[in-house]
PDB file of N, CA and C in Angstrom:
ATOM      1  N   MET A   1     125.598 117.103 -12.152  1.00  0.00           N
ATOM      2  CA  MET A   1     125.235 118.481 -12.408  1.00  0.00           C
ATOM      3  C   MET A   1     126.509 119.264 -12.733  1.00  0.00           C
ATOM      4  N   SER A   2     126.516 119.884 -13.872  1.00  0.00           N
ATOM      5  CA  SER A   2     127.704 120.635 -14.262  1.00  0.00           C
ATOM      6  C   SER A   2     127.658 122.041 -13.675  1.00  0.00           C
ATOM      7  N   SER A   3     128.838 122.557 -13.387  1.00  0.00           N
ATOM      8  CA  SER A   3     128.945 123.870 -12.792  1.00  0.00           C
ATOM      9  C   SER A   3     129.009 124.925 -13.886  1.00  0.00           C
ATOM     10  N   ARG A   4     128.466 126.094 -13.575  1.00  0.00           N
ATOM     11  CA  ARG A   4     128.532 127.193 -14.530  1.00  0.00           C
ATOM     12  C   ARG A   4     129.803 128.016 -14.330  1.00  0.00           C
ATOM     13  N   LEU A   5     130.599 127.655 -13.350  1.00  0.00           N
ATOM     14  CA  LEU A   5     131.858 128.356 -13.111  1.00  0.00           C
ATOM     15  C   LEU A   5     132.942 127.815 -14.036  1.00  0.00           C
ATOM     16  N   ASN A   6     133.908 128.657 -14.300  1.00  0.00           N
ATOM     17  CA  ASN A   6     135.029 128.133 -15.070  1.00  0.00           C
ATOM     18  C   ASN A   6     135.873 127.275 -14.129  1.00  0.00           C
ATOM     19  N   PRO A   7     136.711 126.426 -14.650  1.00  0.00           N
ATOM     20  CA  PRO A   7     137.455 125.470 -13.804  1.00  0.00           C
ATOM     21  C   PRO A   7     138.290 126.119 -12.705  1.00  0.00           C
ATOM     22  N   ASP A   8     138.897 127.270 -12.984  1.00  0.00           N
ATOM     23  CA  ASP A   8     139.709 127.928 -11.957  1.00  0.00           C
ATOM     24  C   ASP A   8     138.848 128.391 -10.786  1.00  0.00           C
ATOM     25  N   ASP A   9     137.699 128.996 -11.085  1.00  0.00           N
ATOM     26  CA  ASP A   9     136.808 129.453 -10.027  1.00  0.00           C
ATOM     27  C   ASP A   9     136.228 128.276  -9.247  1.00  0.00           C
ATOM     28  N   GLN A  10     135.892 127.191  -9.959  1.00  0.00           N
ATOM     29  CA  GLN A  10     135.366 126.009  -9.287  1.00  0.00           C
ATOM     30  C   GLN A  10     136.407 125.433  -8.336  1.00  0.00           C
ATOM     31  N   LYS A  11     137.661 125.447  -8.750  1.00  0.00           N
ATOM     32  CA  LYS A  11     138.739 124.945  -7.895  1.00  0.00           C
ATOM     33  C   LYS A  11     138.865 125.794  -6.633  1.00  0.00           C
ATOM     34  N   ARG A  12     138.752 127.125  -6.768  1.00  0.00           N
ATOM     35  CA  ARG A  12     138.818 128.013  -5.597  1.00  0.00           C
ATOM     36  C   ARG A  12     137.651 127.760  -4.650  1.00  0.00           C
ATOM     37  N   VAL A  13     136.468 127.547  -5.204  1.00  0.00           N
ATOM     38  CA  VAL A  13     135.296 127.268  -4.368  1.00  0.00           C
ATOM     39  C   VAL A  13     135.499 125.966  -3.598  1.00  0.00           C
ATOM     40  N   GLU A  14     135.991 124.940  -4.253  1.00  0.00           N
ATOM     41  CA  GLU A  14     136.216 123.657  -3.582  1.00  0.00           C
ATOM     42  C   GLU A  14     137.282 123.768  -2.499  1.00  0.00           C
ATOM     43  N   GLN A  15     138.331 124.557  -2.749  1.00  0.00           N
ATOM     44  CA  GLN A  15     139.354 124.766  -1.721  1.00  0.00           C
ATOM     45  C   GLN A  15     138.764 125.515  -0.528  1.00  0.00           C
ATOM     46  N   TYR A  16     137.940 126.503  -0.807  1.00  0.00           N
ATOM     47  CA  TYR A  16     137.312 127.285   0.271  1.00  0.00           C
ATOM     48  C   TYR A  16     136.419 126.391   1.126  1.00  0.00           C
ATOM     49  N   LEU A  17     135.611 125.573   0.479  1.00  0.00           N
ATOM     50  CA  LEU A  17     134.686 124.719   1.236  1.00  0.00           C
ATOM     51  C   LEU A  17     135.381 123.578   1.955  1.00  0.00           C
ATOM     52  N   SER A  18     136.569 123.196   1.509  1.00  0.00           N
ATOM     53  CA  SER A  18     137.273 122.104   2.180  1.00  0.00           C
ATOM     54  C   SER A  18     138.159 122.603   3.321  1.00  0.00           C
ATOM     55  N   ALA A  19     138.177 123.908   3.567  1.00  0.00           N
ATOM     56  CA  ALA A  19     138.974 124.460   4.669  1.00  0.00           C
ATOM     57  C   ALA A  19     138.407 123.963   6.003  1.00  0.00           C
ATOM     58  N   PRO A  20     139.267 123.817   7.018  1.00  0.00           N
ATOM     59  CA  PRO A  20     138.820 123.260   8.318  1.00  0.00           C
ATOM     60  C   PRO A  20     137.691 124.052   8.976  1.00  0.00           C
ATOM     61  N   GLN A  21     137.665 125.370   8.824  1.00  0.00           N
ATOM     62  CA  GLN A  21     136.627 126.149   9.489  1.00  0.00           C
ATOM     63  C   GLN A  21     135.252 125.928   8.868  1.00  0.00           C
ATOM     64  N   HIS A  22     135.184 125.298   7.699  1.00  0.00           N
ATOM     65  CA  HIS A  22     133.906 125.016   7.056  1.00  0.00           C
ATOM     66  C   HIS A  22     133.500 123.560   7.213  1.00  0.00           C
ATOM     67  N   GLN A  23     134.219 122.824   8.031  1.00  0.00           N
ATOM     68  CA  GLN A  23     133.937 121.403   8.249  1.00  0.00           C
ATOM     69  C   GLN A  23     133.415 121.169   9.670  1.00  0.00           C
ATOM     70  N   VAL A  24     132.444 121.938  10.090  1.00  0.00           N
ATOM     71  CA  VAL A  24     131.916 121.861  11.449  1.00  0.00           C
ATOM     72  C   VAL A  24     130.966 120.672  11.562  1.00  0.00           C
ATOM     73  N   GLU A  25     131.180 119.857  12.588  1.00  0.00           N
ATOM     74  CA  GLU A  25     130.272 118.742  12.851  1.00  0.00           C
ATOM     75  C   GLU A  25     128.973 119.279  13.434  1.00  0.00           C
ATOM     76  N   ARG A  26     127.870 118.886  12.863  1.00  0.00           N
ATOM     77  CA  ARG A  26     126.570 119.341  13.345  1.00  0.00           C
ATOM     78  C   ARG A  26     125.886 118.207  14.097  1.00  0.00           C
ATOM     79  N   GLN A  27     125.143 118.589  15.129  1.00  0.00           N
ATOM     80  CA  GLN A  27     124.355 117.603  15.845  1.00  0.00           C
ATOM     81  C   GLN A  27     123.148 117.232  14.990  1.00  0.00           C
ATOM     82  N   PRO A  28     122.626 116.032  15.170  1.00  0.00           N
ATOM     83  CA  PRO A  28     121.462 115.640  14.377  1.00  0.00           C
ATOM     84  C   PRO A  28     120.249 116.505  14.730  1.00  0.00           C
ATOM     85  N   PHE A  29     119.415 116.740  13.740  1.00  0.00           N
ATOM     86  CA  PHE A  29     118.205 117.538  13.937  1.00  0.00           C
ATOM     87  C   PHE A  29     117.241 116.754  14.817  1.00  0.00           C
ATOM     88  N   ARG A  30     116.720 117.413  15.843  1.00  0.00           N
ATOM     89  CA  ARG A  30     115.790 116.756  16.769  1.00  0.00           C
ATOM     90  C   ARG A  30     114.428 117.430  16.663  1.00  0.00           C
ATOM     91  N   LEU A  31     113.545 116.787  15.918  1.00  0.00           N
ATOM     92  CA  LEU A  31     112.218 117.336  15.669  1.00  0.00           C
ATOM     93  C   LEU A  31     111.422 117.480  16.955  1.00  0.00           C
ATOM     94  N   TRP A  32     111.457 116.477  17.809  1.00  0.00           N
ATOM     95  CA  TRP A  32     110.635 116.508  19.022  1.00  0.00           C
ATOM     96  C   TRP A  32     111.091 117.599  19.981  1.00  0.00           C
ATOM     97  N   ARG A  33     112.376 117.871  20.026  1.00  0.00           N
ATOM     98  CA  ARG A  33     112.870 118.959  20.880  1.00  0.00           C
ATOM     99  C   ARG A  33     112.354 120.302  20.363  1.00  0.00           C
ATOM    100  N   LEU A  34     112.392 120.494  19.060  1.00  0.00           N
ATOM    101  CA  LEU A  34     111.898 121.728  18.458  1.00  0.00           C
ATOM    102  C   LEU A  34     110.403 121.895  18.730  1.00  0.00           C
ATOM    103  N   LEU A  35     109.635 120.831  18.565  1.00  0.00           N
ATOM    104  CA  LEU A  35     108.198 120.910  18.827  1.00  0.00           C
ATOM    105  C   LEU A  35     107.916 121.204  20.290  1.00  0.00           C
ATOM    106  N   LEU A  36     108.698 120.633  21.182  1.00  0.00           N
ATOM    107  CA  LEU A  36     108.529 120.886  22.604  1.00  0.00           C
ATOM    108  C   LEU A  36     108.825 122.349  22.935  1.00  0.00           C
ATOM    109  N   ILE A  37     109.883 122.885  22.369  1.00  0.00           N
ATOM    110  CA  ILE A  37     110.223 124.291  22.613  1.00  0.00           C
ATOM    111  C   ILE A  37     109.121 125.210  22.100  1.00  0.00           C
ATOM    112  N   ILE A  38     108.607 124.922  20.905  1.00  0.00           N
ATOM    113  CA  ILE A  38     107.518 125.740  20.351  1.00  0.00           C
ATOM    114  C   ILE A  38     106.281 125.633  21.218  1.00  0.00           C
ATOM    115  N   LEU A  39     105.946 124.441  21.674  1.00  0.00           N
ATOM    116  CA  LEU A  39     104.768 124.236  22.517  1.00  0.00           C
ATOM    117  C   LEU A  39     104.903 124.990  23.836  1.00  0.00           C
ATOM    118  N   VAL A  40     106.053 124.908  24.461  1.00  0.00           N
ATOM    119  CA  VAL A  40     106.281 125.621  25.719  1.00  0.00           C
ATOM    120  C   VAL A  40     106.188 127.128  25.502  1.00  0.00           C
ATOM    121  N   ALA A  41     106.737 127.625  24.397  1.00  0.00           N
ATOM    122  CA  ALA A  41     106.677 129.059  24.111  1.00  0.00           C
ATOM    123  C   ALA A  41     105.241 129.517  23.887  1.00  0.00           C
ATOM    124  N   VAL A  42     104.454 128.746  23.154  1.00  0.00           N
ATOM    125  CA  VAL A  42     103.064 129.119  22.883  1.00  0.00           C
ATOM    126  C   VAL A  42     102.244 129.092  24.168  1.00  0.00           C
ATOM    127  N   ILE A  43     102.402 128.049  24.978  1.00  0.00           N
ATOM    128  CA  ILE A  43     101.669 127.964  26.243  1.00  0.00           C
ATOM    129  C   ILE A  43     102.098 129.087  27.179  1.00  0.00           C
ATOM    130  N   GLY A  44     103.417 129.346  27.249  1.00  0.00           N
ATOM    131  CA  GLY A  44     103.914 130.415  28.114  1.00  0.00           C
ATOM    132  C   GLY A  44     103.375 131.775  27.703  1.00  0.00           C
ATOM    133  N   LEU A  45     103.381 132.064  26.416  1.00  0.00           N
ATOM    134  CA  LEU A  45     102.851 133.347  25.953  1.00  0.00           C
ATOM    135  C   LEU A  45     101.339 133.437  26.163  1.00  0.00           C
ATOM    136  N   GLY A  46     100.638 132.320  26.019  1.00  0.00           N
ATOM    137  CA  GLY A  46      99.197 132.305  26.284  1.00  0.00           C
ATOM    138  C   GLY A  46      98.897 132.593  27.741  1.00  0.00           C
ATOM    139  N   LEU A  47      99.655 131.969  28.642  1.00  0.00           N
ATOM    140  CA  LEU A  47      99.455 132.221  30.069  1.00  0.00           C
ATOM    141  C   LEU A  47      99.812 133.664  30.434  1.00  0.00           C
ATOM    142  N   LEU A  48     100.865 134.191  29.826  1.00  0.00           N
ATOM    143  CA  LEU A  48     101.237 135.582  30.060  1.00  0.00           C
ATOM    144  C   LEU A  48     100.144 136.530  29.586  1.00  0.00           C
ATOM    145  N   SER A  49      99.548 136.250  28.437  1.00  0.00           N
ATOM    146  CA  SER A  49      98.481 137.124  27.935  1.00  0.00           C
ATOM    147  C   SER A  49      97.244 137.048  28.827  1.00  0.00           C
ATOM    148  N   ARG A  50      96.922 135.875  29.345  1.00  0.00           N
ATOM    149  CA  ARG A  50      95.785 135.763  30.274  1.00  0.00           C
ATOM    150  C   ARG A  50      96.065 136.547  31.561  1.00  0.00           C
ATOM    151  N   PHE A  51      97.299 136.452  32.073  1.00  0.00           N
ATOM    152  CA  PHE A  51      97.662 137.173  33.283  1.00  0.00           C
ATOM    153  C   PHE A  51      97.577 138.676  33.066  1.00  0.00           C
ATOM    154  N   LEU A  52      98.107 139.153  31.955  1.00  0.00           N
ATOM    155  CA  LEU A  52      98.039 140.580  31.655  1.00  0.00           C
ATOM    156  C   LEU A  52      96.600 141.030  31.422  1.00  0.00           C
ATOM    157  N   GLY A  53      95.782 140.166  30.844  1.00  0.00           N
ATOM    158  CA  GLY A  53      94.368 140.491  30.651  1.00  0.00           C
ATOM    159  C   GLY A  53      93.653 140.631  31.997  1.00  0.00           C
ATOM    160  N   GLN A  54      93.997 139.806  32.958  1.00  0.00           N
ATOM    161  CA  GLN A  54      93.388 139.889  34.287  1.00  0.00           C
ATOM    162  C   GLN A  54      93.814 141.167  34.998  1.00  0.00           C
ATOM    163  N   LEU A  55      95.034 141.624  34.779  1.00  0.00           N
ATOM    164  CA  LEU A  55      95.507 142.840  35.408  1.00  0.00           C
ATOM    165  C   LEU A  55      94.798 144.078  34.857  1.00  0.00           C
ATOM    166  N   VAL A  56      94.499 144.056  33.555  1.00  0.00           N
ATOM    167  CA  VAL A  56      93.884 145.218  32.912  1.00  0.00           C
ATOM    168  C   VAL A  56      92.405 145.298  33.238  1.00  0.00           C
ATOM    169  N   LEU A  57      91.724 144.173  33.250  1.00  0.00           N
ATOM    170  CA  LEU A  57      90.265 144.184  33.465  1.00  0.00           C
ATOM    171  C   LEU A  57      89.884 144.159  34.905  1.00  0.00           C
TER     172      LEU A  57
END
């Protein structure tokens, strides 16, 4: 894929992206952890809404 930048600008972009502060190691994405967090949040909010409903009625 060719860049639409001129060579000087492309060189600056590559230098910027190769700087140490842009080379952060990321942990692998954990789908099951995300699903667990969402499930706990949905169940927790559901239980909270039932509790608040009991207080009002």
